[in-house]
Amino acid sequence: MYSSSGSGSRGQWEDYVEQARTKLPEPPAGLMDAYVRWIPWIAIVFGALGLIFTVLFGLLGAVLAPFLALGGMDGMRAGMNGIFAVVLGGIGSLLGLVGGLQMRQMKANGWWIYGMCLVVSVVNDLASISLFGLVITLLITWLHISVRPRYN
C-alpha cells in the first residue's frame, strides 16, 4: 500500500493515514462512490463562495475596526474574533477550492489539500465551540480517509 520508503515527511503522513484507514470502519461502497463523485464539486462551489464572502467580511471588518476600538476591550475582542474568523475562513476556502479542483482529476495532492481544509474546519469548529459542526466535519474526515486509495 503506502509506505514511508520515500524520503520526507509525506511518507510518514501516508503511513498515519493508512493506519487510521485500516482501524476505522469502512463506509458503504455507495457512500464512498458518492463522496468521490460529489465532494470535489461541493468543495469548489463552497470554496469559491467562501472566498467571496471572506473578502466582503474582511472589507467590512476593516471599515468597522475603528468603531470597535472605541468599544474598549470588548470591542477589541470582537475585532480579533472577526480577524480570526476571516483568516481561517479564507484559508479554508482557498484550500477547499484548490483541493476540489485537483480531486476532480483524482490527484493525491488534491486529496491532501482538501485534507488540510478539513483540519482548518476542525480548528474552526473547536475555536467556535461548535459541537454539531465538529461532528459533521469528523464524519466527512472519516469518509475522506476511507477514499484515500482511490487518489493517485
Protein backbone atom coordinates (compact mmCIF):
# COMPACT_ATOMS: atom_id res chain seq x y z
CA MET A 1 0.00 0.00 0.00
CA TYR A 2 1.53 3.28 1.15
CA SER A 3 4.86 3.27 2.89
CA SER A 4 7.42 5.72 4.09
CA SER A 5 10.15 4.19 1.96
CA GLY A 6 10.39 7.53 0.15
CA SER A 7 12.17 10.44 1.71
CA GLY A 8 10.47 13.25 3.54
CA SER A 9 7.58 13.51 5.91
CA ARG A 10 4.96 12.80 3.23
CA GLY A 11 5.67 9.09 3.59
CA GLN A 12 5.13 9.30 7.34
CA TRP A 13 1.81 11.06 6.84
CA GLU A 14 0.83 8.39 4.31
CA ASP A 15 1.59 5.77 6.96
CA TYR A 16 -0.52 7.59 9.55
CA VAL A 17 -3.44 7.88 7.14
CA GLU A 18 -3.16 4.21 6.18
CA GLN A 19 -3.13 3.18 9.84
CA ALA A 20 -6.20 5.30 10.54
CA ARG A 21 -7.94 3.93 7.45
CA THR A 22 -7.39 0.33 8.50
CA LYS A 23 -8.54 0.99 12.08
CA LEU A 24 -11.71 2.89 11.15
CA PRO A 25 -14.82 1.03 9.99
CA GLU A 26 -15.25 1.10 6.24
CA PRO A 27 -18.22 3.12 4.99
CA PRO A 28 -20.63 1.58 2.45
CA ALA A 29 -19.24 1.47 -1.10
CA GLY A 30 -22.10 3.60 -2.44
CA LEU A 31 -21.34 6.33 0.08
CA MET A 32 -17.66 6.32 -0.88
CA ASP A 33 -18.57 6.45 -4.59
CA ALA A 34 -20.87 9.41 -3.96
CA TYR A 35 -18.15 11.14 -1.93
CA VAL A 36 -15.56 10.75 -4.69
CA ARG A 37 -18.04 11.96 -7.29
CA TRP A 38 -19.61 14.93 -5.50
CA ILE A 39 -17.25 16.28 -2.82
CA PRO A 40 -14.87 17.91 -5.34
CA TRP A 41 -17.79 19.91 -6.79
CA ILE A 42 -19.08 20.82 -3.34
CA ALA A 43 -15.56 21.90 -2.30
CA ILE A 44 -15.18 24.04 -5.43
CA VAL A 45 -18.55 25.78 -5.05
CA PHE A 46 -18.28 26.40 -1.31
CA GLY A 47 -14.60 27.33 -1.63
CA ALA A 48 -15.39 29.99 -4.23
CA LEU A 49 -18.37 31.31 -2.26
CA GLY A 50 -16.28 31.27 0.91
CA LEU A 51 -13.54 33.32 -0.74
CA ILE A 52 -16.06 35.90 -1.94
CA PHE A 53 -17.65 36.23 1.49
CA THR A 54 -14.26 36.27 3.20
CA VAL A 55 -13.20 39.24 1.10
CA LEU A 56 -16.51 41.02 1.75
CA PHE A 57 -16.38 40.41 5.51
CA GLY A 58 -12.70 41.37 5.58
CA LEU A 59 -13.55 44.70 3.95
CA LEU A 60 -16.48 45.20 6.31
CA GLY A 61 -14.20 44.44 9.26
CA ALA A 62 -11.68 46.98 8.02
CA VAL A 63 -14.40 49.64 7.85
CA LEU A 64 -15.76 48.77 11.31
CA ALA A 65 -12.39 48.36 13.05
CA PRO A 66 -12.11 51.99 14.21
CA PHE A 67 -15.57 51.80 15.77
CA LEU A 68 -14.75 48.53 17.52
CA ALA A 69 -11.68 50.16 19.05
CA LEU A 70 -13.97 52.72 20.67
CA GLY A 71 -15.74 49.87 22.49
CA GLY A 72 -12.78 49.18 24.76
CA MET A 73 -11.67 45.61 25.46
CA ASP A 74 -14.97 44.09 24.36
CA GLY A 75 -14.70 45.87 21.04
CA MET A 76 -11.10 44.78 20.62
CA ARG A 77 -12.03 41.18 21.47
CA ALA A 78 -14.82 41.27 18.89
CA GLY A 79 -12.40 42.68 16.33
CA MET A 80 -9.83 39.97 17.00
CA ASN A 81 -12.52 37.27 16.76
CA GLY A 82 -13.54 38.76 13.43
CA ILE A 83 -9.98 38.74 12.15
CA PHE A 84 -9.54 35.14 13.30
CA ALA A 85 -12.75 34.11 11.52
CA VAL A 86 -11.78 35.91 8.30
CA VAL A 87 -8.28 34.39 8.26
CA LEU A 88 -9.50 30.84 8.98
CA GLY A 89 -12.36 31.25 6.53
CA GLY A 90 -10.05 32.47 3.79
CA ILE A 91 -7.52 29.71 4.32
CA GLY A 92 -10.21 27.02 4.48
CA SER A 93 -12.00 28.35 1.40
CA LEU A 94 -8.81 28.53 -0.64
CA LEU A 95 -7.77 25.03 0.40
CA GLY A 96 -11.24 23.70 -0.41
CA LEU A 97 -11.27 25.33 -3.84
CA VAL A 98 -7.78 24.16 -4.84
CA GLY A 99 -8.25 20.72 -3.29
CA GLY A 100 -11.59 20.27 -5.03
CA LEU A 101 -10.13 21.19 -8.41
CA GLN A 102 -7.33 18.66 -8.03
CA MET A 103 -9.59 15.99 -6.54
CA ARG A 104 -11.71 16.17 -9.71
CA GLN A 105 -8.61 14.97 -11.54
CA MET A 106 -8.12 12.19 -8.93
CA LYS A 107 -4.77 13.64 -7.82
CA ALA A 108 -3.29 12.71 -4.46
CA ASN A 109 -2.20 16.34 -3.97
CA GLY A 110 -5.83 17.39 -4.17
CA TRP A 111 -6.72 14.77 -1.57
CA TRP A 112 -4.04 16.15 0.77
CA ILE A 113 -5.01 19.78 0.17
CA TYR A 114 -8.66 19.04 0.91
CA GLY A 115 -7.49 17.15 3.99
CA MET A 116 -5.79 20.35 5.18
CA CYS A 117 -9.09 22.14 4.57
CA LEU A 118 -10.74 19.62 6.90
CA VAL A 119 -8.06 20.28 9.53
CA VAL A 120 -8.80 24.02 9.31
CA SER A 121 -12.51 23.21 9.68
CA VAL A 122 -11.83 21.18 12.82
CA VAL A 123 -9.78 24.04 14.30
CA ASN A 124 -12.57 26.48 13.44
CA ASP A 125 -15.21 24.21 15.00
CA LEU A 126 -13.14 23.85 18.16
CA ALA A 127 -12.41 27.58 18.39
CA SER A 128 -16.07 28.50 17.93
CA ILE A 129 -17.22 25.65 20.22
CA SER A 130 -19.46 24.23 17.51
CA LEU A 131 -20.18 20.65 18.54
CA PHE A 132 -22.57 19.97 15.65
CA GLY A 133 -20.08 21.36 13.12
CA LEU A 134 -17.30 19.30 14.67
CA VAL A 135 -19.32 16.07 14.38
CA ILE A 136 -20.14 16.79 10.72
CA THR A 137 -16.50 17.65 9.94
CA LEU A 138 -15.28 14.46 11.62
CA LEU A 139 -17.78 12.37 9.61
CA ILE A 140 -16.52 13.99 6.40
CA THR A 141 -12.94 13.34 7.53
CA TRP A 142 -13.79 9.66 8.11
CA LEU A 143 -15.07 9.41 4.54
CA HIS A 144 -12.08 11.37 3.26
CA ILE A 145 -9.64 8.97 4.91
CA SER A 146 -11.61 5.97 3.63
CA VAL A 147 -11.34 7.01 -0.03
CA ARG A 148 -7.57 7.68 0.08
CA PRO A 149 -6.62 4.63 -2.06
CA ARG A 150 -8.67 6.00 -4.98
CA TYR A 151 -6.40 9.04 -5.42
CA ASN A 152 -3.03 8.61 -7.16
